[in-house]
Amino acid sequence: MPLVRIDVNTGRTPDEITRLSRAIHDAILAEYRIPERDYFHVVTEHPQGQIVAQDAGLGFERTAGVVMIQIFTQAGRTQEAKAGLFAAISRNLAEVGVPGEDVFIGYVENGAGDWSFGFGRAQYVTGELAVPAG
């Protein structure tokens, strides 16, 4: 069950925002085989100039259409699985008009006890939810 935060500059239509979110979710579904309803995204739009995303010395320029993605998820997936997810997200976003240089992903892992889905309980710990397989 990843929690995904998506940060973009203002200027996209509500439909474009929905397509960005859906493209990312579809990549996660395909690569991690999570249930469809494990869909937890927070999309935040920022005024121009509030997102700074340089190339980190890789020799390319990003546009104002940059999409900053933070994925918070359970630890345990292999580096190959993560690389497959990154590639799938980039492919899916390209299909909705976001070029690869404008896709930035940060991946944060945590444990079963770090999640509560409601009622103040850690459902993975209490057994109300099965811990996802890595």
N, C-alpha and C. Protein backbone atom coordinates (compact mmCIF):
# COMPACT_ATOMS: atom_id res chain seq x y z
N MET A 1 0.83 -1.17 0.00
CA MET A 1 0.00 0.00 0.00
C MET A 1 0.88 1.24 0.00
N PRO A 2 1.27 1.68 -1.14
CA PRO A 2 2.03 2.92 -1.17
C PRO A 2 1.15 4.14 -0.94
N LEU A 3 1.72 5.13 -0.28
CA LEU A 3 1.14 6.46 -0.20
C LEU A 3 1.98 7.30 -1.14
N VAL A 4 1.33 7.96 -2.09
CA VAL A 4 2.05 8.70 -3.13
C VAL A 4 1.70 10.18 -3.03
N ARG A 5 2.73 11.00 -2.94
CA ARG A 5 2.57 12.45 -2.97
C ARG A 5 3.09 12.92 -4.32
N ILE A 6 2.29 13.73 -4.99
CA ILE A 6 2.64 14.23 -6.32
C ILE A 6 2.60 15.75 -6.26
N ASP A 7 3.72 16.38 -6.58
CA ASP A 7 3.80 17.83 -6.59
C ASP A 7 4.04 18.31 -8.01
N VAL A 8 3.21 19.29 -8.42
CA VAL A 8 3.31 19.86 -9.76
C VAL A 8 3.12 21.37 -9.68
N ASN A 9 3.57 22.06 -10.71
CA ASN A 9 3.29 23.48 -10.82
C ASN A 9 1.85 23.67 -11.28
N THR A 10 1.26 24.78 -10.92
CA THR A 10 -0.10 25.09 -11.36
C THR A 10 -0.13 25.21 -12.87
N GLY A 11 -1.32 25.04 -13.42
CA GLY A 11 -1.49 25.21 -14.85
C GLY A 11 -2.08 24.01 -15.55
N ARG A 12 -2.15 22.88 -14.87
CA ARG A 12 -2.77 21.70 -15.47
C ARG A 12 -4.27 21.70 -15.18
N THR A 13 -5.03 21.10 -16.08
CA THR A 13 -6.47 20.99 -15.87
C THR A 13 -6.74 19.87 -14.86
N PRO A 14 -7.94 19.85 -14.26
CA PRO A 14 -8.29 18.75 -13.37
C PRO A 14 -8.17 17.38 -14.06
N ASP A 15 -8.52 17.30 -15.33
CA ASP A 15 -8.40 16.04 -16.06
C ASP A 15 -6.94 15.63 -16.21
N GLU A 16 -6.07 16.58 -16.47
CA GLU A 16 -4.64 16.27 -16.58
C GLU A 16 -4.08 15.77 -15.24
N ILE A 17 -4.50 16.38 -14.15
CA ILE A 17 -4.08 15.94 -12.82
C ILE A 17 -4.55 14.51 -12.57
N THR A 18 -5.80 14.23 -12.91
CA THR A 18 -6.34 12.87 -12.74
C THR A 18 -5.54 11.88 -13.57
N ARG A 19 -5.21 12.24 -14.80
CA ARG A 19 -4.46 11.32 -15.66
C ARG A 19 -3.04 11.08 -15.14
N LEU A 20 -2.40 12.11 -14.57
CA LEU A 20 -1.08 11.92 -13.95
C LEU A 20 -1.17 10.92 -12.80
N SER A 21 -2.12 11.16 -11.91
CA SER A 21 -2.28 10.28 -10.76
C SER A 21 -2.58 8.85 -11.21
N ARG A 22 -3.47 8.72 -12.16
CA ARG A 22 -3.87 7.38 -12.64
C ARG A 22 -2.69 6.68 -13.32
N ALA A 23 -1.89 7.42 -14.07
CA ALA A 23 -0.73 6.82 -14.74
C ALA A 23 0.25 6.25 -13.71
N ILE A 24 0.45 6.99 -12.63
CA ILE A 24 1.35 6.51 -11.57
C ILE A 24 0.74 5.30 -10.88
N HIS A 25 -0.55 5.37 -10.55
CA HIS A 25 -1.20 4.24 -9.88
C HIS A 25 -1.18 2.99 -10.76
N ASP A 26 -1.44 3.15 -12.05
CA ASP A 26 -1.43 2.00 -12.95
C ASP A 26 -0.05 1.34 -13.00
N ALA A 27 1.01 2.14 -12.94
CA ALA A 27 2.36 1.58 -12.90
C ALA A 27 2.58 0.78 -11.62
N ILE A 28 2.12 1.32 -10.50
CA ILE A 28 2.27 0.61 -9.22
C ILE A 28 1.47 -0.69 -9.25
N LEU A 29 0.25 -0.64 -9.77
CA LEU A 29 -0.56 -1.86 -9.88
C LEU A 29 0.16 -2.92 -10.70
N ALA A 30 0.68 -2.52 -11.85
CA ALA A 30 1.32 -3.48 -12.75
C ALA A 30 2.61 -4.06 -12.17
N GLU A 31 3.41 -3.21 -11.55
CA GLU A 31 4.72 -3.66 -11.07
C GLU A 31 4.66 -4.35 -9.72
N TYR A 32 3.81 -3.86 -8.81
CA TYR A 32 3.78 -4.40 -7.46
C TYR A 32 2.58 -5.30 -7.20
N ARG A 33 1.67 -5.34 -8.14
CA ARG A 33 0.50 -6.20 -8.05
C ARG A 33 -0.28 -6.00 -6.75
N ILE A 34 -0.47 -4.73 -6.42
CA ILE A 34 -1.27 -4.38 -5.25
C ILE A 34 -2.74 -4.34 -5.65
N PRO A 35 -3.65 -4.38 -4.70
CA PRO A 35 -5.07 -4.25 -5.03
C PRO A 35 -5.40 -2.88 -5.60
N GLU A 36 -6.33 -2.83 -6.52
CA GLU A 36 -6.76 -1.58 -7.16
C GLU A 36 -7.12 -0.50 -6.13
N ARG A 37 -7.79 -0.90 -5.06
CA ARG A 37 -8.27 0.08 -4.08
C ARG A 37 -7.18 0.54 -3.10
N ASP A 38 -5.95 0.05 -3.25
CA ASP A 38 -4.82 0.60 -2.50
C ASP A 38 -4.34 1.84 -3.25
N TYR A 39 -5.24 2.80 -3.33
CA TYR A 39 -5.00 4.01 -4.12
C TYR A 39 -5.04 5.19 -3.17
N PHE A 40 -3.85 5.65 -2.75
CA PHE A 40 -3.72 6.75 -1.80
C PHE A 40 -2.75 7.77 -2.37
N HIS A 41 -3.30 8.80 -3.00
CA HIS A 41 -2.48 9.84 -3.63
C HIS A 41 -2.87 11.21 -3.07
N VAL A 42 -1.87 12.05 -2.87
CA VAL A 42 -2.08 13.44 -2.51
C VAL A 42 -1.40 14.26 -3.61
N VAL A 43 -2.19 15.03 -4.33
CA VAL A 43 -1.64 15.88 -5.38
C VAL A 43 -1.66 17.33 -4.90
N THR A 44 -0.52 17.98 -4.98
CA THR A 44 -0.41 19.36 -4.56
C THR A 44 0.11 20.19 -5.72
N GLU A 45 -0.61 21.28 -6.00
CA GLU A 45 -0.16 22.22 -7.03
C GLU A 45 0.52 23.40 -6.36
N HIS A 46 1.59 23.86 -6.98
CA HIS A 46 2.39 24.96 -6.44
C HIS A 46 2.47 26.09 -7.46
N PRO A 47 2.48 27.34 -6.99
CA PRO A 47 2.73 28.45 -7.91
C PRO A 47 4.12 28.30 -8.54
N GLN A 48 4.26 28.81 -9.76
CA GLN A 48 5.56 28.77 -10.45
C GLN A 48 6.64 29.32 -9.52
N GLY A 49 7.77 28.62 -9.51
CA GLY A 49 8.90 29.05 -8.70
C GLY A 49 9.00 28.36 -7.36
N GLN A 50 7.98 27.63 -6.94
CA GLN A 50 8.03 26.95 -5.65
C GLN A 50 8.57 25.53 -5.74
N ILE A 51 8.70 25.01 -6.94
CA ILE A 51 9.36 23.71 -7.14
C ILE A 51 10.70 23.99 -7.82
N VAL A 52 11.76 23.54 -7.19
CA VAL A 52 13.09 23.65 -7.77
C VAL A 52 13.56 22.22 -8.01
N ALA A 53 13.84 21.90 -9.27
CA ALA A 53 14.23 20.53 -9.62
C ALA A 53 15.29 20.59 -10.71
N GLN A 54 16.53 20.74 -10.30
CA GLN A 54 17.61 20.81 -11.26
C GLN A 54 18.03 19.39 -11.66
N ASP A 55 19.04 19.27 -12.49
CA ASP A 55 19.40 17.98 -13.07
C ASP A 55 20.39 17.16 -12.25
N ALA A 56 20.84 17.67 -11.11
CA ALA A 56 21.80 16.97 -10.25
C ALA A 56 23.11 16.66 -10.97
N GLY A 57 23.42 17.43 -12.02
CA GLY A 57 24.67 17.23 -12.74
C GLY A 57 24.59 16.21 -13.86
N LEU A 58 23.39 15.80 -14.23
CA LEU A 58 23.24 14.78 -15.28
C LEU A 58 23.20 15.37 -16.69
N GLY A 59 23.14 16.70 -16.80
CA GLY A 59 23.27 17.32 -18.10
C GLY A 59 21.99 17.50 -18.90
N PHE A 60 20.87 17.68 -18.22
CA PHE A 60 19.62 17.97 -18.93
C PHE A 60 18.85 19.03 -18.19
N GLU A 61 17.88 19.62 -18.84
CA GLU A 61 17.05 20.65 -18.23
C GLU A 61 15.63 20.13 -18.03
N ARG A 62 15.05 20.48 -16.93
CA ARG A 62 13.64 20.17 -16.68
C ARG A 62 12.81 21.37 -17.12
N THR A 63 11.52 21.12 -17.35
CA THR A 63 10.62 22.19 -17.72
C THR A 63 9.73 22.54 -16.52
N ALA A 64 8.86 23.51 -16.71
CA ALA A 64 7.89 23.85 -15.67
C ALA A 64 6.87 22.73 -15.49
N GLY A 65 6.88 21.74 -16.37
CA GLY A 65 5.97 20.60 -16.27
C GLY A 65 6.49 19.47 -15.41
N VAL A 66 7.55 19.72 -14.63
CA VAL A 66 8.13 18.68 -13.78
C VAL A 66 7.07 18.07 -12.86
N VAL A 67 7.17 16.77 -12.64
CA VAL A 67 6.29 16.04 -11.73
C VAL A 67 7.19 15.41 -10.66
N MET A 68 7.06 15.90 -9.43
CA MET A 68 7.85 15.39 -8.31
C MET A 68 6.98 14.35 -7.58
N ILE A 69 7.50 13.14 -7.45
CA ILE A 69 6.73 12.02 -6.90
C ILE A 69 7.47 11.48 -5.68
N GLN A 70 6.76 11.35 -4.57
CA GLN A 70 7.31 10.70 -3.38
C GLN A 70 6.47 9.47 -3.11
N ILE A 71 7.11 8.32 -3.03
CA ILE A 71 6.41 7.07 -2.78
C ILE A 71 6.83 6.56 -1.40
N PHE A 72 5.86 6.43 -0.51
CA PHE A 72 6.09 5.89 0.83
C PHE A 72 5.49 4.49 0.85
N THR A 73 6.29 3.48 1.16
CA THR A 73 5.80 2.11 1.07
C THR A 73 6.57 1.20 2.02
N GLN A 74 6.05 -0.01 2.17
CA GLN A 74 6.68 -1.02 3.02
C GLN A 74 8.04 -1.41 2.48
N ALA A 75 8.98 -1.62 3.37
CA ALA A 75 10.31 -2.10 2.99
C ALA A 75 10.24 -3.54 2.51
N GLY A 76 11.23 -3.93 1.73
CA GLY A 76 11.37 -5.33 1.37
C GLY A 76 11.41 -5.63 -0.12
N ARG A 77 11.12 -4.66 -0.96
CA ARG A 77 11.18 -4.93 -2.39
C ARG A 77 12.62 -4.81 -2.87
N THR A 78 12.94 -5.60 -3.88
CA THR A 78 14.31 -5.60 -4.41
C THR A 78 14.57 -4.32 -5.20
N GLN A 79 15.86 -4.06 -5.42
CA GLN A 79 16.23 -2.91 -6.24
C GLN A 79 15.71 -3.09 -7.66
N GLU A 80 15.67 -4.34 -8.14
CA GLU A 80 15.14 -4.60 -9.48
C GLU A 80 13.65 -4.25 -9.55
N ALA A 81 12.91 -4.55 -8.50
CA ALA A 81 11.47 -4.22 -8.46
C ALA A 81 11.29 -2.70 -8.46
N LYS A 82 12.11 -2.02 -7.69
CA LYS A 82 12.03 -0.56 -7.64
C LYS A 82 12.38 0.04 -9.01
N ALA A 83 13.44 -0.46 -9.63
CA ALA A 83 13.84 0.04 -10.94
C ALA A 83 12.72 -0.20 -11.96
N GLY A 84 12.07 -1.36 -11.88
CA GLY A 84 10.95 -1.64 -12.77
C GLY A 84 9.81 -0.65 -12.55
N LEU A 85 9.55 -0.31 -11.29
CA LEU A 85 8.50 0.66 -10.99
C LEU A 85 8.87 2.03 -11.54
N PHE A 86 10.11 2.46 -11.33
CA PHE A 86 10.53 3.78 -11.83
C PHE A 86 10.34 3.85 -13.35
N ALA A 87 10.75 2.79 -14.04
CA ALA A 87 10.63 2.76 -15.51
C ALA A 87 9.16 2.77 -15.93
N ALA A 88 8.32 2.02 -15.23
CA ALA A 88 6.89 1.96 -15.58
C ALA A 88 6.23 3.31 -15.35
N ILE A 89 6.58 3.98 -14.26
CA ILE A 89 6.01 5.31 -14.01
C ILE A 89 6.43 6.27 -15.13
N SER A 90 7.69 6.25 -15.50
CA SER A 90 8.17 7.14 -16.55
C SER A 90 7.46 6.85 -17.87
N ARG A 91 7.31 5.58 -18.22
CA ARG A 91 6.59 5.20 -19.46
C ARG A 91 5.15 5.69 -19.43
N ASN A 92 4.47 5.43 -18.31
CA ASN A 92 3.07 5.81 -18.21
C ASN A 92 2.90 7.33 -18.25
N LEU A 93 3.80 8.05 -17.60
CA LEU A 93 3.69 9.51 -17.64
C LEU A 93 4.01 10.06 -19.03
N ALA A 94 4.91 9.41 -19.75
CA ALA A 94 5.19 9.83 -21.13
C ALA A 94 3.92 9.73 -21.97
N GLU A 95 3.11 8.71 -21.70
CA GLU A 95 1.86 8.53 -22.45
C GLU A 95 0.84 9.63 -22.18
N VAL A 96 0.99 10.35 -21.07
CA VAL A 96 0.09 11.47 -20.79
C VAL A 96 0.80 12.82 -20.94
N GLY A 97 1.94 12.80 -21.64
CA GLY A 97 2.60 14.05 -22.03
C GLY A 97 3.70 14.56 -21.13
N VAL A 98 4.20 13.73 -20.22
CA VAL A 98 5.29 14.18 -19.34
C VAL A 98 6.58 13.50 -19.81
N PRO A 99 7.53 14.27 -20.34
CA PRO A 99 8.79 13.67 -20.81
C PRO A 99 9.63 13.15 -19.64
N GLY A 100 10.48 12.20 -19.92
CA GLY A 100 11.29 11.55 -18.89
C GLY A 100 12.10 12.49 -18.03
N GLU A 101 12.61 13.58 -18.62
CA GLU A 101 13.42 14.51 -17.82
C GLU A 101 12.58 15.27 -16.80
N ASP A 102 11.27 15.22 -16.93
CA ASP A 102 10.39 15.91 -15.99
C ASP A 102 9.78 14.97 -14.94
N VAL A 103 10.31 13.75 -14.85
CA VAL A 103 9.83 12.79 -13.86
C VAL A 103 10.91 12.64 -12.79
N PHE A 104 10.58 13.01 -11.57
CA PHE A 104 11.50 12.91 -10.43
C PHE A 104 10.81 12.07 -9.38
N ILE A 105 11.46 10.99 -8.92
CA ILE A 105 10.86 10.06 -7.96
C ILE A 105 11.75 9.92 -6.74
N GLY A 106 11.18 10.08 -5.56
CA GLY A 106 11.84 9.77 -4.30
C GLY A 106 11.09 8.60 -3.66
N TYR A 107 11.81 7.61 -3.18
CA TYR A 107 11.21 6.37 -2.69
C TYR A 107 11.61 6.19 -1.23
N VAL A 108 10.63 6.09 -0.35
CA VAL A 108 10.88 5.99 1.09
C VAL A 108 10.24 4.72 1.62
N GLU A 109 11.04 3.89 2.29
CA GLU A 109 10.52 2.64 2.84
C GLU A 109 10.34 2.74 4.36
N ASN A 110 9.39 1.98 4.85
CA ASN A 110 9.14 1.90 6.29
C ASN A 110 8.61 0.51 6.62
N GLY A 111 8.16 0.31 7.86
CA GLY A 111 7.73 -1.01 8.30
C GLY A 111 6.24 -1.10 8.56
N ALA A 112 5.80 -2.30 8.86
CA ALA A 112 4.37 -2.58 9.07
C ALA A 112 3.78 -1.74 10.19
N GLY A 113 4.55 -1.46 11.22
CA GLY A 113 4.04 -0.69 12.35
C GLY A 113 3.94 0.80 12.10
N ASP A 114 4.30 1.23 10.90
CA ASP A 114 4.31 2.66 10.57
C ASP A 114 3.04 3.13 9.87
N TRP A 115 2.02 2.29 9.81
CA TRP A 115 0.80 2.62 9.07
C TRP A 115 -0.43 2.48 9.95
N SER A 116 -1.34 3.43 9.82
CA SER A 116 -2.68 3.32 10.39
C SER A 116 -3.66 3.74 9.31
N PHE A 117 -4.62 2.89 9.02
CA PHE A 117 -5.60 3.16 7.96
C PHE A 117 -6.90 3.70 8.52
N GLY A 118 -6.93 3.96 9.80
CA GLY A 118 -8.11 4.52 10.43
C GLY A 118 -8.29 3.98 11.83
N PHE A 119 -9.09 4.68 12.59
CA PHE A 119 -9.48 4.28 13.96
C PHE A 119 -8.31 4.24 14.93
N GLY A 120 -7.16 4.83 14.56
CA GLY A 120 -6.01 4.87 15.46
C GLY A 120 -5.35 3.53 15.71
N ARG A 121 -5.55 2.59 14.79
CA ARG A 121 -4.95 1.26 14.95
C ARG A 121 -3.93 1.02 13.84
N ALA A 122 -2.88 0.27 14.14
CA ALA A 122 -1.89 -0.14 13.15
C ALA A 122 -2.35 -1.49 12.59
N GLN A 123 -3.17 -1.47 11.57
CA GLN A 123 -3.87 -2.66 11.08
C GLN A 123 -2.94 -3.78 10.61
N TYR A 124 -1.75 -3.44 10.14
CA TYR A 124 -0.81 -4.51 9.77
C TYR A 124 -0.31 -5.23 11.02
N VAL A 125 -0.19 -4.51 12.12
CA VAL A 125 0.28 -5.09 13.37
C VAL A 125 -0.83 -5.87 14.07
N THR A 126 -2.06 -5.31 14.04
CA THR A 126 -3.18 -5.99 14.72
C THR A 126 -3.67 -7.21 13.95
N GLY A 127 -3.27 -7.34 12.67
CA GLY A 127 -3.73 -8.46 11.86
C GLY A 127 -4.99 -8.16 11.07
N GLU A 128 -5.53 -6.94 11.20
CA GLU A 128 -6.72 -6.60 10.42
C GLU A 128 -6.43 -6.55 8.93
N LEU A 129 -5.19 -6.26 8.59
CA LEU A 129 -4.73 -6.29 7.19
C LEU A 129 -3.51 -7.19 7.10
N ALA A 130 -3.40 -7.92 6.00
CA ALA A 130 -2.22 -8.74 5.76
C ALA A 130 -1.09 -7.84 5.32
N VAL A 131 0.10 -8.08 5.83
CA VAL A 131 1.28 -7.32 5.41
C VAL A 131 1.58 -7.69 3.97
N PRO A 132 1.70 -6.68 3.09
CA PRO A 132 1.97 -6.99 1.68
C PRO A 132 3.26 -7.77 1.50
N ALA A 133 3.24 -8.68 0.56
CA ALA A 133 4.45 -9.45 0.25
C ALA A 133 5.40 -8.57 -0.55
N GLY A 134 6.68 -8.71 -0.29
CA GLY A 134 7.69 -7.93 -1.00
C GLY A 134 7.92 -8.50 -2.34
